[in-house]
Amino acid sequence: MERDREIKKLTNVLRRIARASGHAAWSGNDDATRFCVLQYNKVFGRLSELEPSVSPLFTTLSEHASADVTRIAAQELAAYFEDESSATFSGFGGVRVNVRGCGGRRGWGGRVRVGSCG
């Protein structure tokens, strides 16, 4: 049980690394990019210890990897551990909506639009 909890926490960290890498790519901040690469490699190393089956599927990143590559790698590794059956979002008023496909959640004016691919 503790192993599953740690994997869930590390998956959350991967999502944050992906978000930070996207910001680093947008801003062109090389220090932030290097930090994201280092963090990704640390998380990947720990996940490889907890779940050895990820090692042949994923790899560590070069310290010179771009922010976009880091973002993609973090998103893909996080996706490996996500349980698709539990990908739901409790919207306003307790309405549960599946969050799949493109778009994700977007909020405006007190409403949430989910998964817009248009």
C-alpha atoms as a PDB file:
ATOM      1  CA  MET A   1       0.000   0.000   0.000  1.00  0.00           C
ATOM      2  CA  GLU A   2       2.832   2.394   0.845  1.00  0.00           C
ATOM      3  CA  ARG A   3       4.383   1.685  -2.576  1.00  0.00           C
ATOM      4  CA  ASP A   4       1.156   2.677  -4.336  1.00  0.00           C
ATOM      5  CA  ARG A   5       0.942   5.869  -2.296  1.00  0.00           C
ATOM      6  CA  GLU A   6       4.503   6.825  -3.216  1.00  0.00           C
ATOM      7  CA  ILE A   7       3.847   6.130  -6.904  1.00  0.00           C
ATOM      8  CA  LYS A   8       0.760   8.349  -6.756  1.00  0.00           C
ATOM      9  CA  LYS A   9       2.791  11.160  -5.169  1.00  0.00           C
ATOM     10  CA  LEU A  10       5.574  10.821  -7.736  1.00  0.00           C
ATOM     11  CA  THR A  11       3.025  10.866 -10.560  1.00  0.00           C
ATOM     12  CA  ASN A  12       1.711  14.141  -9.164  1.00  0.00           C
ATOM     13  CA  VAL A  13       5.268  15.503  -9.144  1.00  0.00           C
ATOM     14  CA  LEU A  14       5.645  14.456 -12.800  1.00  0.00           C
ATOM     15  CA  ARG A  15       2.549  16.479 -13.692  1.00  0.00           C
ATOM     16  CA  ARG A  16       4.056  19.506 -11.966  1.00  0.00           C
ATOM     17  CA  ILE A  17       7.372  18.975 -13.758  1.00  0.00           C
ATOM     18  CA  ALA A  18       5.491  18.874 -17.067  1.00  0.00           C
ATOM     19  CA  ARG A  19       3.682  22.118 -16.228  1.00  0.00           C
ATOM     20  CA  ALA A  20       6.912  23.828 -15.124  1.00  0.00           C
ATOM     21  CA  SER A  21       8.694  22.606 -18.256  1.00  0.00           C
ATOM     22  CA  GLY A  22       5.961  24.117 -20.391  1.00  0.00           C
ATOM     23  CA  HIS A  23       6.471  27.433 -18.627  1.00  0.00           C
ATOM     24  CA  ALA A  24      10.259  27.152 -19.021  1.00  0.00           C
ATOM     25  CA  ALA A  25       9.815  26.531 -22.762  1.00  0.00           C
ATOM     26  CA  TRP A  26       7.512  29.520 -23.078  1.00  0.00           C
ATOM     27  CA  SER A  27       9.787  31.843 -21.112  1.00  0.00           C
ATOM     28  CA  GLY A  28      13.070  30.508 -22.483  1.00  0.00           C
ATOM     29  CA  ASN A  29      14.508  30.104 -18.987  1.00  0.00           C
ATOM     30  CA  ASP A  30      17.482  27.750 -19.285  1.00  0.00           C
ATOM     31  CA  ASP A  31      17.961  27.400 -15.513  1.00  0.00           C
ATOM     32  CA  ALA A  32      14.361  26.306 -15.067  1.00  0.00           C
ATOM     33  CA  THR A  33      14.748  23.837 -17.931  1.00  0.00           C
ATOM     34  CA  ARG A  34      17.843  22.267 -16.350  1.00  0.00           C
ATOM     35  CA  PHE A  35      16.066  22.057 -13.007  1.00  0.00           C
ATOM     36  CA  CYS A  36      13.081  20.295 -14.594  1.00  0.00           C
ATOM     37  CA  VAL A  37      15.385  17.813 -16.336  1.00  0.00           C
ATOM     38  CA  LEU A  38      17.191  17.032 -13.071  1.00  0.00           C
ATOM     39  CA  GLN A  39      13.907  16.595 -11.207  1.00  0.00           C
ATOM     40  CA  TYR A  40      12.481  14.369 -13.948  1.00  0.00           C
ATOM     41  CA  ASN A  41      15.572  12.145 -13.818  1.00  0.00           C
ATOM     42  CA  LYS A  42      15.320  11.835 -10.016  1.00  0.00           C
ATOM     43  CA  VAL A  43      11.633  10.916 -10.156  1.00  0.00           C
ATOM     44  CA  PHE A  44      12.260   8.478 -13.018  1.00  0.00           C
ATOM     45  CA  GLY A  45      15.042   6.827 -11.002  1.00  0.00           C
ATOM     46  CA  ARG A  46      12.787   6.339  -7.999  1.00  0.00           C
ATOM     47  CA  LEU A  47       9.898   5.059 -10.112  1.00  0.00           C
ATOM     48  CA  SER A  48      12.298   2.608 -11.766  1.00  0.00           C
ATOM     49  CA  GLU A  49      13.140   1.238  -8.315  1.00  0.00           C
ATOM     50  CA  LEU A  50       9.475   0.931  -7.359  1.00  0.00           C
ATOM     51  CA  GLU A  51       8.297  -0.408 -10.727  1.00  0.00           C
ATOM     52  CA  PRO A  52      11.156  -2.024 -12.698  1.00  0.00           C
ATOM     53  CA  SER A  53       8.936  -2.494 -15.771  1.00  0.00           C
ATOM     54  CA  VAL A  54       9.235   1.229 -16.627  1.00  0.00           C
ATOM     55  CA  SER A  55      12.982   1.026 -17.282  1.00  0.00           C
ATOM     56  CA  PRO A  56      12.754  -0.614 -20.719  1.00  0.00           C
ATOM     57  CA  LEU A  57       9.922   1.730 -21.765  1.00  0.00           C
ATOM     58  CA  PHE A  58      11.298   5.093 -20.610  1.00  0.00           C
ATOM     59  CA  THR A  59      14.740   6.616 -20.228  1.00  0.00           C
ATOM     60  CA  THR A  60      16.553   9.325 -18.338  1.00  0.00           C
ATOM     61  CA  LEU A  61      16.976  12.618 -20.125  1.00  0.00           C
ATOM     62  CA  SER A  62      20.210  14.244 -21.193  1.00  0.00           C
ATOM     63  CA  GLU A  63      21.068  17.224 -19.026  1.00  0.00           C
ATOM     64  CA  HIS A  64      20.827  19.273 -22.229  1.00  0.00           C
ATOM     65  CA  ALA A  65      17.277  18.141 -23.061  1.00  0.00           C
ATOM     66  CA  SER A  66      14.907  20.907 -24.083  1.00  0.00           C
ATOM     67  CA  ALA A  67      12.008  22.033 -21.944  1.00  0.00           C
ATOM     68  CA  ASP A  68       9.552  20.665 -24.500  1.00  0.00           C
ATOM     69  CA  VAL A  69      11.190  17.221 -24.458  1.00  0.00           C
ATOM     70  CA  THR A  70      11.133  17.256 -20.652  1.00  0.00           C
ATOM     71  CA  ARG A  71       7.451  18.199 -20.657  1.00  0.00           C
ATOM     72  CA  ILE A  72       6.584  15.382 -23.044  1.00  0.00           C
ATOM     73  CA  ALA A  73       8.651  12.826 -21.118  1.00  0.00           C
ATOM     74  CA  ALA A  74       7.044  13.789 -17.803  1.00  0.00           C
ATOM     75  CA  GLN A  75       3.543  13.624 -19.275  1.00  0.00           C
ATOM     76  CA  GLU A  76       4.166  10.227 -20.846  1.00  0.00           C
ATOM     77  CA  LEU A  77       5.685   8.734 -17.692  1.00  0.00           C
ATOM     78  CA  ALA A  78       2.809  10.072 -15.587  1.00  0.00           C
ATOM     79  CA  ALA A  79       0.333   8.625 -18.093  1.00  0.00           C
ATOM     80  CA  TYR A  80       1.871   5.173 -17.629  1.00  0.00           C
ATOM     81  CA  PHE A  81       0.795   5.178 -13.986  1.00  0.00           C
ATOM     82  CA  GLU A  82      -2.617   6.784 -14.405  1.00  0.00           C
ATOM     83  CA  ASP A  83      -5.646   4.584 -13.977  1.00  0.00           C
ATOM     84  CA  GLU A  84      -7.911   5.523 -16.853  1.00  0.00           C
ATOM     85  CA  SER A  85     -10.995   4.229 -15.087  1.00  0.00           C
ATOM     86  CA  SER A  86     -10.566   6.856 -12.358  1.00  0.00           C
ATOM     87  CA  ALA A  87     -10.037   9.829 -14.687  1.00  0.00           C
ATOM     88  CA  THR A  88     -13.064  11.795 -13.541  1.00  0.00           C
ATOM     89  CA  PHE A  89     -13.589  15.360 -12.422  1.00  0.00           C
ATOM     90  CA  SER A  90     -16.193  16.423  -9.899  1.00  0.00           C
ATOM     91  CA  GLY A  91     -17.453  19.624 -11.393  1.00  0.00           C
ATOM     92  CA  PHE A  92     -19.646  22.249  -9.823  1.00  0.00           C
ATOM     93  CA  GLY A  93     -22.782  20.892  -8.208  1.00  0.00           C
ATOM     94  CA  GLY A  94     -21.251  17.441  -7.715  1.00  0.00           C
ATOM     95  CA  VAL A  95     -21.596  16.470 -11.376  1.00  0.00           C
ATOM     96  CA  ARG A  96     -18.933  13.901 -12.291  1.00  0.00           C
ATOM     97  CA  VAL A  97     -17.518  14.199 -15.783  1.00  0.00           C
ATOM     98  CA  ASN A  98     -14.957  11.986 -17.490  1.00  0.00           C
ATOM     99  CA  VAL A  99     -11.816  13.930 -18.332  1.00  0.00           C
ATOM    100  CA  ARG A 100     -10.334  12.245 -21.380  1.00  0.00           C
ATOM    101  CA  GLY A 101      -9.180  13.262 -24.789  1.00  0.00           C
ATOM    102  CA  CYS A 102      -7.917  16.672 -25.691  1.00  0.00           C
ATOM    103  CA  GLY A 103      -8.605  19.940 -23.979  1.00  0.00           C
ATOM    104  CA  GLY A 104      -8.659  19.055 -20.305  1.00  0.00           C
ATOM    105  CA  ARG A 105     -10.473  21.448 -17.977  1.00  0.00           C
ATOM    106  CA  ARG A 106     -10.988  25.080 -18.758  1.00  0.00           C
ATOM    107  CA  GLY A 107     -12.796  27.393 -16.403  1.00  0.00           C
ATOM    108  CA  TRP A 108     -14.418  30.760 -16.967  1.00  0.00           C
ATOM    109  CA  GLY A 109     -17.270  32.700 -15.422  1.00  0.00           C
ATOM    110  CA  GLY A 110     -18.016  30.084 -12.775  1.00  0.00           C
ATOM    111  CA  ARG A 111     -18.428  27.281 -15.302  1.00  0.00           C
ATOM    112  CA  VAL A 112     -16.076  24.508 -16.367  1.00  0.00           C
ATOM    113  CA  ARG A 113     -15.806  23.271 -19.926  1.00  0.00           C
ATOM    114  CA  VAL A 114     -14.316  19.784 -20.101  1.00  0.00           C
ATOM    115  CA  GLY A 115     -12.468  18.152 -22.977  1.00  0.00           C
ATOM    116  CA  SER A 116     -13.163  20.594 -25.802  1.00  0.00           C
ATOM    117  CA  CYS A 117     -11.488  19.365 -28.966  1.00  0.00           C
ATOM    118  CA  GLY A 118     -12.993  21.940 -31.286  1.00  0.00           C
END
